[in-house]
Every structure is written in C-alpha cells, then in structure tokens.
Amino acid sequence: MAELRIAPIARGDLTAVAALHARAFPDAALTAFGAEAVRRYYQWLLDGPHDAALVGAWDGAALVGFCAAGVFRGAMNGFLRANRGYLAAQIARHPALLRSPLIRDRIAAALRITLKFSRLSRAVPATAAAAPSPAPSFGVLSIATDPAARGSGAGRALMAEAEARARRLGHARMTLTVHPDNARAVRFYEQLGWQRSGGPPWAGAMLRELDRR
C-alpha cells in the first residue's frame, strides 16, 4: 500500500463514499435503501447546515476510508426531511424493506425525532429562543474503512485528523456512539484514548477529553 493521503471529500467522490459505506456496513438500515440513498445522506452531511468536515483516506486513486466529524445540526433528521419523497418511493417500490425490524425501528425513531422537533419549534417562545445555547459538541458521526484495507492505518489517520481539527477549533472534548456489541470498534477507540460514557447499562456513548496542547 502506498502512503495514505488524507484529503477532503468532494461531491464527485460521493459515489465512492456510498460504495465504501456499503462494504463497511452491509447490514445497516441506510445500506438497505440502496447506493443512491447512501450517496444522498453523505451529500447532506457535506452540504447541510453543519460546521463539520467529510474527509477521506486515499491509497493512490482508491478511497479506503472516510470520516465525518464536527458539529452536526440535524444530521439524520435533516436528511430525512430533505429526502422524504425519495425514501418513501424506495419503500413503495421495495415493500420488503419494512419487513426488516431494524429498518422499522429506524423509521419509527426518525418519526419520533421529527415530531419532537416540530413540537419544540412551535412551543418555544421568542424570548426563550433568544437565550444562549449550550456549547456545541464536536462529534465523530461516521467513520468507515474498506474491509480490504483494515490494518492499513487509515482509521487511525482519520481519527487523528478529526482530533486535530477539534483542537484547532477550541473544543475540549469529542463524542461518538458505537454499537455496544462491536467489540472490535470499542477496542479501537479505547486504544486511541476514548472512554465509555453513561450507564450502566452502557449504550455505546464514548468521550475523548482533549488536553490543551
């Protein structure tokens, strides 16, 4: 493998991002909706109202990993609202999607979030809306490496780039969520200095405290 190159993801790279996502997360609910739905999701992360970056790890011309990290505003909720027509059409064309308990759970959760934020936007008075909000959290929303490139250092390089960006922006901590049963990923994060947060029972939240270098 050639020396890895870490560089921002551009719109023209999103097809490769979607393909890598499918290889890295074959059982994910989003993957089941097809490559175009995945591409649209990462386009929302790239273009949406976020203070975040979508960065790739490249081995020559091949994308072998990517990481979305920063301050996200309505990452999933905004994606669902922006693409509700497309996603509904996918379900209409492929009703078998609704037979998956995972997809049904994700849709139900998305509907609850959408309803919650719709109610909050109507209920918050103007004076409360003008109150200062808490400091935003710098989160690692998504990180993936090509299964064929695991062990190459791509994941570590992407996490190091995300941490460096968090420090440059003055954040004191970083957050992420991992599936509690994904022992390999949990071990990887803990080796990088991340700690489990919350619980018991632990639900997969992790925290990285940043010293002031």
C-alpha atoms as a PDB file:
ATOM      1  CA  MET A   1       0.000   0.000   0.000  1.00  0.00           C
ATOM      2  CA  ALA A   2       1.245   3.475  -0.923  1.00  0.00           C
ATOM      3  CA  GLU A   3       1.444   6.209   1.678  1.00  0.00           C
ATOM      4  CA  LEU A   4      -2.042   7.264   2.728  1.00  0.00           C
ATOM      5  CA  ARG A   5      -3.274  10.691   1.686  1.00  0.00           C
ATOM      6  CA  ILE A   6      -5.846  12.432   3.883  1.00  0.00           C
ATOM      7  CA  ALA A   7      -7.940  14.944   1.939  1.00  0.00           C
ATOM      8  CA  PRO A   8     -11.443  16.465   1.974  1.00  0.00           C
ATOM      9  CA  ILE A   9     -14.247  14.596   0.226  1.00  0.00           C
ATOM     10  CA  ALA A  10     -15.782  16.456  -2.713  1.00  0.00           C
ATOM     11  CA  ARG A  11     -19.161  15.938  -4.347  1.00  0.00           C
ATOM     12  CA  GLY A  12     -17.539  13.947  -7.114  1.00  0.00           C
ATOM     13  CA  ASP A  13     -16.277  11.432  -4.537  1.00  0.00           C
ATOM     14  CA  LEU A  14     -19.698  10.620  -3.072  1.00  0.00           C
ATOM     15  CA  THR A  15     -20.333   7.604  -5.303  1.00  0.00           C
ATOM     16  CA  ALA A  16     -17.117   6.057  -3.974  1.00  0.00           C
ATOM     17  CA  VAL A  17     -18.135   7.010  -0.420  1.00  0.00           C
ATOM     18  CA  ALA A  18     -21.503   5.263  -0.868  1.00  0.00           C
ATOM     19  CA  ALA A  19     -19.840   2.126  -2.220  1.00  0.00           C
ATOM     20  CA  LEU A  20     -17.357   2.045   0.666  1.00  0.00           C
ATOM     21  CA  HIS A  21     -20.193   2.580   3.167  1.00  0.00           C
ATOM     22  CA  ALA A  22     -21.998  -0.466   1.744  1.00  0.00           C
ATOM     23  CA  ARG A  23     -18.874  -2.608   2.077  1.00  0.00           C
ATOM     24  CA  ALA A  24     -18.162  -1.416   5.602  1.00  0.00           C
ATOM     25  CA  PHE A  25     -21.776  -1.537   6.847  1.00  0.00           C
ATOM     26  CA  PRO A  26     -23.568  -4.213   4.800  1.00  0.00           C
ATOM     27  CA  ASP A  27     -26.262  -4.747   7.450  1.00  0.00           C
ATOM     28  CA  ALA A  28     -27.024  -1.079   8.177  1.00  0.00           C
ATOM     29  CA  ALA A  29     -30.555   0.231   7.656  1.00  0.00           C
ATOM     30  CA  LEU A  30     -29.342   3.014   5.345  1.00  0.00           C
ATOM     31  CA  THR A  31     -27.451   0.500   3.176  1.00  0.00           C
ATOM     32  CA  ALA A  32     -30.692  -1.413   2.584  1.00  0.00           C
ATOM     33  CA  PHE A  33     -32.180   1.631   0.846  1.00  0.00           C
ATOM     34  CA  GLY A  34     -29.538   1.417  -1.887  1.00  0.00           C
ATOM     35  CA  ALA A  35     -26.475   3.280  -3.090  1.00  0.00           C
ATOM     36  CA  GLU A  36     -28.351   6.447  -4.089  1.00  0.00           C
ATOM     37  CA  ALA A  37     -29.871   6.836  -0.614  1.00  0.00           C
ATOM     38  CA  VAL A  38     -26.422   6.452   0.934  1.00  0.00           C
ATOM     39  CA  ARG A  39     -24.963   8.978  -1.508  1.00  0.00           C
ATOM     40  CA  ARG A  40     -27.725  11.441  -0.637  1.00  0.00           C
ATOM     41  CA  TYR A  41     -27.036  11.004   3.084  1.00  0.00           C
ATOM     42  CA  TYR A  42     -23.359  11.886   2.740  1.00  0.00           C
ATOM     43  CA  GLN A  43     -24.228  14.738   0.403  1.00  0.00           C
ATOM     44  CA  TRP A  44     -26.429  16.113   3.212  1.00  0.00           C
ATOM     45  CA  LEU A  45     -23.505  15.830   5.615  1.00  0.00           C
ATOM     46  CA  LEU A  46     -21.345  17.646   3.058  1.00  0.00           C
ATOM     47  CA  ASP A  47     -23.818  20.401   2.119  1.00  0.00           C
ATOM     48  CA  GLY A  48     -26.124  20.708   5.118  1.00  0.00           C
ATOM     49  CA  PRO A  49     -26.048  23.412   7.816  1.00  0.00           C
ATOM     50  CA  HIS A  50     -23.159  21.806   9.653  1.00  0.00           C
ATOM     51  CA  ASP A  51     -19.809  23.014  10.933  1.00  0.00           C
ATOM     52  CA  ALA A  52     -18.201  19.729  10.025  1.00  0.00           C
ATOM     53  CA  ALA A  53     -15.905  18.066   7.525  1.00  0.00           C
ATOM     54  CA  LEU A  54     -16.146  14.906   5.447  1.00  0.00           C
ATOM     55  CA  VAL A  55     -12.590  13.665   4.945  1.00  0.00           C
ATOM     56  CA  GLY A  56     -11.227  10.680   3.038  1.00  0.00           C
ATOM     57  CA  ALA A  57      -8.179   8.445   3.246  1.00  0.00           C
ATOM     58  CA  TRP A  58      -6.762   7.662  -0.186  1.00  0.00           C
ATOM     59  CA  ASP A  59      -4.364   4.944  -1.286  1.00  0.00           C
ATOM     60  CA  GLY A  60      -3.345   6.292  -4.659  1.00  0.00           C
ATOM     61  CA  ALA A  61      -6.627   6.872  -6.501  1.00  0.00           C
ATOM     62  CA  ALA A  62      -8.609   4.484  -4.284  1.00  0.00           C
ATOM     63  CA  LEU A  63     -10.733   5.703  -1.383  1.00  0.00           C
ATOM     64  CA  VAL A  64     -10.022   3.329   1.515  1.00  0.00           C
ATOM     65  CA  GLY A  65     -11.699   5.216   4.355  1.00  0.00           C
ATOM     66  CA  PHE A  66     -13.670   8.286   5.316  1.00  0.00           C
ATOM     67  CA  CYS A  67     -14.718  10.179   8.422  1.00  0.00           C
ATOM     68  CA  ALA A  68     -17.474  12.723   9.065  1.00  0.00           C
ATOM     69  CA  ALA A  69     -16.682  14.795  12.160  1.00  0.00           C
ATOM     70  CA  GLY A  70     -17.563  18.191  13.579  1.00  0.00           C
ATOM     71  CA  VAL A  71     -20.702  19.934  14.789  1.00  0.00           C
ATOM     72  CA  PHE A  72     -23.771  18.471  13.082  1.00  0.00           C
ATOM     73  CA  ARG A  73     -27.164  20.149  13.035  1.00  0.00           C
ATOM     74  CA  GLY A  74     -29.972  17.716  12.296  1.00  0.00           C
ATOM     75  CA  ALA A  75     -27.748  15.162  10.601  1.00  0.00           C
ATOM     76  CA  MET A  76     -30.348  12.387  10.354  1.00  0.00           C
ATOM     77  CA  ASN A  77     -33.494  14.457  10.939  1.00  0.00           C
ATOM     78  CA  GLY A  78     -32.493  16.951   8.245  1.00  0.00           C
ATOM     79  CA  PHE A  79     -31.593  14.182   5.807  1.00  0.00           C
ATOM     80  CA  LEU A  80     -34.977  12.504   6.304  1.00  0.00           C
ATOM     81  CA  ARG A  81     -36.866  15.749   5.772  1.00  0.00           C
ATOM     82  CA  ALA A  82     -34.850  16.678   2.679  1.00  0.00           C
ATOM     83  CA  ASN A  83     -35.249  13.208   1.144  1.00  0.00           C
ATOM     84  CA  ARG A  84     -38.610  12.030   2.477  1.00  0.00           C
ATOM     85  CA  GLY A  85     -40.131  11.786  -1.014  1.00  0.00           C
ATOM     86  CA  TYR A  86     -37.244   9.717  -2.366  1.00  0.00           C
ATOM     87  CA  LEU A  87     -37.186   7.393   0.663  1.00  0.00           C
ATOM     88  CA  ALA A  88     -40.972   6.917   0.572  1.00  0.00           C
ATOM     89  CA  ALA A  89     -40.715   5.984  -3.110  1.00  0.00           C
ATOM     90  CA  GLN A  90     -37.999   3.446  -2.285  1.00  0.00           C
ATOM     91  CA  ILE A  91     -40.254   1.827   0.307  1.00  0.00           C
ATOM     92  CA  ALA A  92     -43.177   1.819  -2.146  1.00  0.00           C
ATOM     93  CA  ARG A  93     -41.010   0.100  -4.769  1.00  0.00           C
ATOM     94  CA  HIS A  94     -39.417  -2.278  -2.247  1.00  0.00           C
ATOM     95  CA  PRO A  95     -42.017  -3.011   0.475  1.00  0.00           C
ATOM     96  CA  ALA A  96     -39.790  -5.819   1.772  1.00  0.00           C
ATOM     97  CA  LEU A  97     -37.744  -3.048   3.423  1.00  0.00           C
ATOM     98  CA  LEU A  98     -40.477  -2.744   6.039  1.00  0.00           C
ATOM     99  CA  ARG A  99     -40.113  -6.410   6.960  1.00  0.00           C
ATOM    100  CA  SER A 100     -36.730  -5.617   8.499  1.00  0.00           C
ATOM    101  CA  PRO A 101     -37.108  -4.920  12.248  1.00  0.00           C
ATOM    102  CA  LEU A 102     -34.011  -2.691  12.102  1.00  0.00           C
ATOM    103  CA  ILE A 103     -35.466  -0.502   9.354  1.00  0.00           C
ATOM    104  CA  ARG A 104     -38.858  -0.331  11.073  1.00  0.00           C
ATOM    105  CA  ASP A 105     -37.147   0.747  14.294  1.00  0.00           C
ATOM    106  CA  ARG A 106     -35.080   3.402  12.481  1.00  0.00           C
ATOM    107  CA  ILE A 107     -38.156   4.780  10.696  1.00  0.00           C
ATOM    108  CA  ALA A 108     -40.114   4.892  13.961  1.00  0.00           C
ATOM    109  CA  ALA A 109     -37.205   6.658  15.709  1.00  0.00           C
ATOM    110  CA  ALA A 110     -36.914   9.154  12.849  1.00  0.00           C
ATOM    111  CA  LEU A 111     -40.634   9.917  13.042  1.00  0.00           C
ATOM    112  CA  ARG A 112     -40.387  10.468  16.800  1.00  0.00           C
ATOM    113  CA  ILE A 113     -37.441  12.857  16.343  1.00  0.00           C
ATOM    114  CA  THR A 114     -39.223  14.768  13.567  1.00  0.00           C
ATOM    115  CA  LEU A 115     -42.380  15.096  15.655  1.00  0.00           C
ATOM    116  CA  LYS A 116     -40.404  16.165  18.741  1.00  0.00           C
ATOM    117  CA  PHE A 117     -38.532  18.926  16.932  1.00  0.00           C
ATOM    118  CA  SER A 118     -41.696  20.100  15.151  1.00  0.00           C
ATOM    119  CA  ARG A 119     -43.435  20.467  18.516  1.00  0.00           C
ATOM    120  CA  LEU A 120     -40.446  22.205  20.082  1.00  0.00           C
ATOM    121  CA  SER A 121     -40.215  24.730  17.251  1.00  0.00           C
ATOM    122  CA  ARG A 122     -43.881  25.630  17.780  1.00  0.00           C
ATOM    123  CA  ALA A 123     -43.743  25.648  21.579  1.00  0.00           C
ATOM    124  CA  VAL A 124     -40.562  27.653  22.300  1.00  0.00           C
ATOM    125  CA  PRO A 125     -41.391  31.338  22.864  1.00  0.00           C
ATOM    126  CA  ALA A 126     -39.325  34.030  21.173  1.00  0.00           C
ATOM    127  CA  THR A 127     -37.653  35.069  24.427  1.00  0.00           C
ATOM    128  CA  ALA A 128     -36.535  31.505  25.137  1.00  0.00           C
ATOM    129  CA  ALA A 129     -35.368  31.039  21.564  1.00  0.00           C
ATOM    130  CA  ALA A 130     -33.058  34.021  22.014  1.00  0.00           C
ATOM    131  CA  ALA A 131     -31.426  32.518  25.117  1.00  0.00           C
ATOM    132  CA  PRO A 132     -27.831  31.380  24.683  1.00  0.00           C
ATOM    133  CA  SER A 133     -27.496  27.722  23.711  1.00  0.00           C
ATOM    134  CA  PRO A 134     -25.011  25.317  25.255  1.00  0.00           C
ATOM    135  CA  ALA A 135     -21.622  24.926  23.603  1.00  0.00           C
ATOM    136  CA  PRO A 136     -21.948  22.609  20.602  1.00  0.00           C
ATOM    137  CA  SER A 137     -20.387  19.181  20.779  1.00  0.00           C
ATOM    138  CA  PHE A 138     -17.711  18.048  18.324  1.00  0.00           C
ATOM    139  CA  GLY A 139     -18.844  14.592  17.286  1.00  0.00           C
ATOM    140  CA  VAL A 140     -17.486  11.815  15.107  1.00  0.00           C
ATOM    141  CA  LEU A 141     -20.701  10.956  13.307  1.00  0.00           C
ATOM    142  CA  SER A 142     -19.384   8.331  10.904  1.00  0.00           C
ATOM    143  CA  ILE A 143     -16.070   6.616  10.263  1.00  0.00           C
ATOM    144  CA  ALA A 144     -15.515   3.720   7.897  1.00  0.00           C
ATOM    145  CA  THR A 145     -12.607   1.844   6.377  1.00  0.00           C
ATOM    146  CA  ASP A 146     -12.735  -0.561   3.482  1.00  0.00           C
ATOM    147  CA  PRO A 147     -12.682  -4.123   4.899  1.00  0.00           C
ATOM    148  CA  ALA A 148      -9.866  -4.913   2.459  1.00  0.00           C
ATOM    149  CA  ALA A 149      -7.776  -2.046   3.883  1.00  0.00           C
ATOM    150  CA  ARG A 150      -8.222  -2.685   7.598  1.00  0.00           C
ATOM    151  CA  GLY A 151      -4.931  -2.660   9.426  1.00  0.00           C
ATOM    152  CA  SER A 152      -3.542  -0.104   6.964  1.00  0.00           C
ATOM    153  CA  GLY A 153      -3.701   2.752   9.469  1.00  0.00           C
ATOM    154  CA  ALA A 154      -6.476   4.548   7.588  1.00  0.00           C
ATOM    155  CA  GLY A 155      -8.818   4.575  10.598  1.00  0.00           C
ATOM    156  CA  ARG A 156      -6.137   5.929  12.923  1.00  0.00           C
ATOM    157  CA  ALA A 157      -5.133   8.596  10.419  1.00  0.00           C
ATOM    158  CA  LEU A 158      -8.739   9.734  10.003  1.00  0.00           C
ATOM    159  CA  MET A 159      -9.318   9.867  13.762  1.00  0.00           C
ATOM    160  CA  ALA A 160      -6.075  11.814  14.232  1.00  0.00           C
ATOM    161  CA  GLU A 161      -7.200  14.334  11.604  1.00  0.00           C
ATOM    162  CA  ALA A 162     -10.587  14.711  13.326  1.00  0.00           C
ATOM    163  CA  GLU A 163      -8.915  15.248  16.706  1.00  0.00           C
ATOM    164  CA  ALA A 164      -6.533  17.820  15.256  1.00  0.00           C
ATOM    165  CA  ARG A 165      -9.474  19.715  13.773  1.00  0.00           C
ATOM    166  CA  ALA A 166     -11.349  19.645  17.093  1.00  0.00           C
ATOM    167  CA  ARG A 167      -8.292  21.103  18.840  1.00  0.00           C
ATOM    168  CA  ARG A 168      -7.870  23.832  16.211  1.00  0.00           C
ATOM    169  CA  LEU A 169     -11.490  24.848  16.750  1.00  0.00           C
ATOM    170  CA  GLY A 170     -11.019  25.018  20.515  1.00  0.00           C
ATOM    171  CA  HIS A 171     -13.173  22.062  21.552  1.00  0.00           C
ATOM    172  CA  ALA A 172     -12.421  20.479  24.927  1.00  0.00           C
ATOM    173  CA  ARG A 173     -13.937  17.106  24.121  1.00  0.00           C
ATOM    174  CA  MET A 174     -15.166  14.862  21.339  1.00  0.00           C
ATOM    175  CA  THR A 175     -18.057  12.407  21.315  1.00  0.00           C
ATOM    176  CA  LEU A 176     -19.165   9.419  19.292  1.00  0.00           C
ATOM    177  CA  THR A 177     -21.560   6.498  19.548  1.00  0.00           C
ATOM    178  CA  VAL A 178     -20.674   2.890  18.743  1.00  0.00           C
ATOM    179  CA  HIS A 179     -22.766  -0.255  18.949  1.00  0.00           C
ATOM    180  CA  PRO A 180     -22.013  -1.718  22.397  1.00  0.00           C
ATOM    181  CA  ASP A 181     -21.619  -5.204  20.899  1.00  0.00           C
ATOM    182  CA  ASN A 182     -18.993  -4.079  18.361  1.00  0.00           C
ATOM    183  CA  ALA A 183     -16.029  -5.175  20.482  1.00  0.00           C
ATOM    184  CA  ARG A 184     -13.506  -4.550  17.696  1.00  0.00           C
ATOM    185  CA  ALA A 185     -14.558  -0.915  17.264  1.00  0.00           C
ATOM    186  CA  VAL A 186     -14.781  -0.301  21.017  1.00  0.00           C
ATOM    187  CA  ARG A 187     -11.254  -1.650  21.467  1.00  0.00           C
ATOM    188  CA  PHE A 188     -10.009   0.546  18.607  1.00  0.00           C
ATOM    189  CA  TYR A 189     -11.444   3.711  20.180  1.00  0.00           C
ATOM    190  CA  GLU A 190     -10.176   2.842  23.646  1.00  0.00           C
ATOM    191  CA  GLN A 191      -6.671   2.381  22.232  1.00  0.00           C
ATOM    192  CA  LEU A 192      -6.935   5.960  20.945  1.00  0.00           C
ATOM    193  CA  GLY A 193      -7.788   7.304  24.404  1.00  0.00           C
ATOM    194  CA  TRP A 194     -11.587   7.272  24.233  1.00  0.00           C
ATOM    195  CA  GLN A 195     -13.614   6.337  27.306  1.00  0.00           C
ATOM    196  CA  ARG A 196     -17.075   4.870  27.721  1.00  0.00           C
ATOM    197  CA  SER A 197     -19.660   7.393  28.861  1.00  0.00           C
ATOM    198  CA  GLY A 198     -23.009   6.910  30.604  1.00  0.00           C
ATOM    199  CA  GLY A 199     -24.740   3.876  32.028  1.00  0.00           C
ATOM    200  CA  PRO A 200     -24.969   1.344  33.363  1.00  0.00           C
ATOM    201  CA  PRO A 201     -26.149  -0.185  31.193  1.00  0.00           C
ATOM    202  CA  TRP A 202     -23.705   1.290  28.718  1.00  0.00           C
ATOM    203  CA  ALA A 203     -25.462   2.287  25.466  1.00  0.00           C
ATOM    204  CA  GLY A 204     -22.366   2.932  23.317  1.00  0.00           C
ATOM    205  CA  ALA A 205     -21.609   6.599  24.044  1.00  0.00           C
ATOM    206  CA  MET A 206     -17.889   7.411  24.128  1.00  0.00           C
ATOM    207  CA  LEU A 207     -15.967  10.525  25.112  1.00  0.00           C
ATOM    208  CA  ARG A 208     -12.499  11.857  24.318  1.00  0.00           C
ATOM    209  CA  GLU A 209     -11.209  14.609  26.602  1.00  0.00           C
ATOM    210  CA  LEU A 210      -8.749  16.889  24.801  1.00  0.00           C
ATOM    211  CA  ASP A 211      -5.856  18.445  26.665  1.00  0.00           C
ATOM    212  CA  ARG A 212      -4.761  21.968  25.762  1.00  0.00           C
ATOM    213  CA  ARG A 213      -1.694  21.441  23.623  1.00  0.00           C
END
